[in-house]
Protein backbone atom coordinates (compact mmCIF):
# COMPACT_ATOMS: atom_id res chain seq x y z
CA UNK A 1 1.38 -5.93 -207.86
CA UNK A 2 5.00 -4.89 -208.19
CA UNK A 3 5.42 -7.88 -205.49
CA UNK A 4 3.68 -10.40 -207.14
CA UNK A 5 4.82 -14.18 -207.05
CA UNK A 6 3.97 -16.65 -209.91
CA UNK A 7 5.94 -19.59 -208.15
CA UNK A 8 4.07 -19.81 -204.86
CA UNK A 9 2.65 -17.92 -202.25
CA UNK A 10 1.94 -13.63 -202.56
CA UNK A 11 3.74 -12.50 -199.70
CA UNK A 12 2.30 -9.01 -199.53
CA UNK A 13 -1.68 -9.93 -200.19
CA UNK A 14 -2.01 -10.34 -196.64
CA UNK A 15 -0.27 -7.81 -194.87
CA UNK A 16 -1.35 -5.24 -193.23
CA UNK A 17 0.86 -3.31 -191.33
CA UNK A 18 1.02 0.46 -191.25
CA UNK A 19 3.49 1.44 -194.17
CA UNK A 20 3.93 2.66 -197.85
CA UNK A 21 4.15 0.55 -200.61
CA UNK A 22 6.53 1.50 -203.01
CA UNK A 23 7.72 -0.29 -206.93
CA UNK A 24 10.57 -2.58 -206.47
CA UNK A 25 12.30 -1.01 -209.47
CA UNK A 26 12.82 2.50 -208.68
CA UNK A 27 11.49 3.10 -205.13
CA UNK A 28 8.79 5.36 -206.42
CA UNK A 29 5.83 5.95 -203.66
CA UNK A 30 2.88 3.99 -204.85
CA UNK A 31 0.52 3.03 -202.22
CA UNK A 32 -0.37 3.32 -198.74
CA UNK A 33 -1.19 0.11 -196.39
CA UNK A 34 -4.53 2.49 -195.46
CA UNK A 35 -5.46 2.09 -199.05
CA UNK A 36 -5.20 -1.78 -198.78
CA UNK A 37 -8.22 -3.68 -198.76
CA UNK A 38 -8.64 -7.65 -198.25
CA UNK A 39 -9.53 -9.28 -201.72
CA UNK A 40 -9.83 -12.92 -202.96
CA UNK A 41 -7.19 -12.81 -205.35
CA UNK A 42 -3.99 -13.59 -205.04
CA UNK A 43 -2.43 -10.00 -205.23
CA UNK A 44 -2.68 -7.02 -202.92
CA UNK A 45 -5.15 -5.08 -203.68
CA UNK A 46 -5.75 -0.96 -203.06
CA UNK A 47 -8.06 2.19 -203.29
CA UNK A 48 -5.67 4.72 -204.00
CA UNK A 49 -2.56 5.61 -204.64
CA UNK A 50 -0.22 7.78 -202.67
CA UNK A 51 -0.18 10.62 -205.51
CA UNK A 52 -1.74 11.36 -208.55
CA UNK A 53 1.45 10.20 -210.74
CA UNK A 54 2.44 7.52 -208.91
CA UNK A 55 0.81 4.74 -211.01
CA UNK A 56 -0.24 5.09 -215.03
CA UNK A 57 -3.01 3.04 -216.71
CA UNK A 58 -3.11 1.64 -219.98
CA UNK A 59 -5.99 0.47 -221.31
CA UNK A 60 -5.11 -3.29 -222.23
CA UNK A 61 -8.91 -4.57 -222.58
CA UNK A 62 -12.69 -3.58 -222.17
CA UNK A 63 -12.37 -4.59 -218.66
CA UNK A 64 -8.95 -4.17 -217.52
CA UNK A 65 -6.15 -1.10 -217.46
CA UNK A 66 -2.57 -2.68 -216.74
CA UNK A 67 -1.31 -0.33 -214.07
CA UNK A 68 2.29 0.31 -214.21
CA UNK A 69 5.03 2.70 -212.14
CA UNK A 70 4.43 6.45 -212.69
CA UNK A 71 8.08 6.92 -212.95
CA UNK A 72 9.90 3.79 -214.54
CA UNK A 73 7.10 1.86 -215.99
CA UNK A 74 7.40 -1.40 -213.91
CA UNK A 75 4.70 -3.43 -214.52
CA UNK A 76 2.36 -3.91 -210.86
CA UNK A 77 -0.59 -5.53 -212.06
CA UNK A 78 -4.14 -4.64 -213.43
CA UNK A 79 -7.41 -2.73 -212.24
CA UNK A 80 -10.31 -4.56 -213.38
CA UNK A 81 -13.94 -3.29 -214.14
CA UNK A 82 -16.62 -5.81 -213.49
CA UNK A 83 -19.90 -5.13 -214.96
CA UNK A 84 -22.64 -3.79 -212.86
CA UNK A 85 -20.18 -3.69 -209.65
CA UNK A 86 -18.15 -1.01 -210.50
CA UNK A 87 -14.27 -1.19 -209.98
CA UNK A 88 -12.79 -3.64 -208.59
CA UNK A 89 -8.76 -2.54 -208.12
CA UNK A 90 -6.43 -5.61 -208.13
């Protein structure tokens, strides 16, 4: 999410050690490693945030929300909705 690297491998995609993911800009708590799951996309994926205000979401299209840090607004990634499959949070 905020750790994405478009010019090579994503270092946190396959990282499953216990801990907390925080915003790379302001250190606001975002996700627990307990909510992280393996996914086919090149970015880490989570089912839940640490707190309700950890992130904010803005509708970007009919199938995607832009996910931002709830404190500083840093872009973290997207949450996609796959028709007939429910939410596919990425």
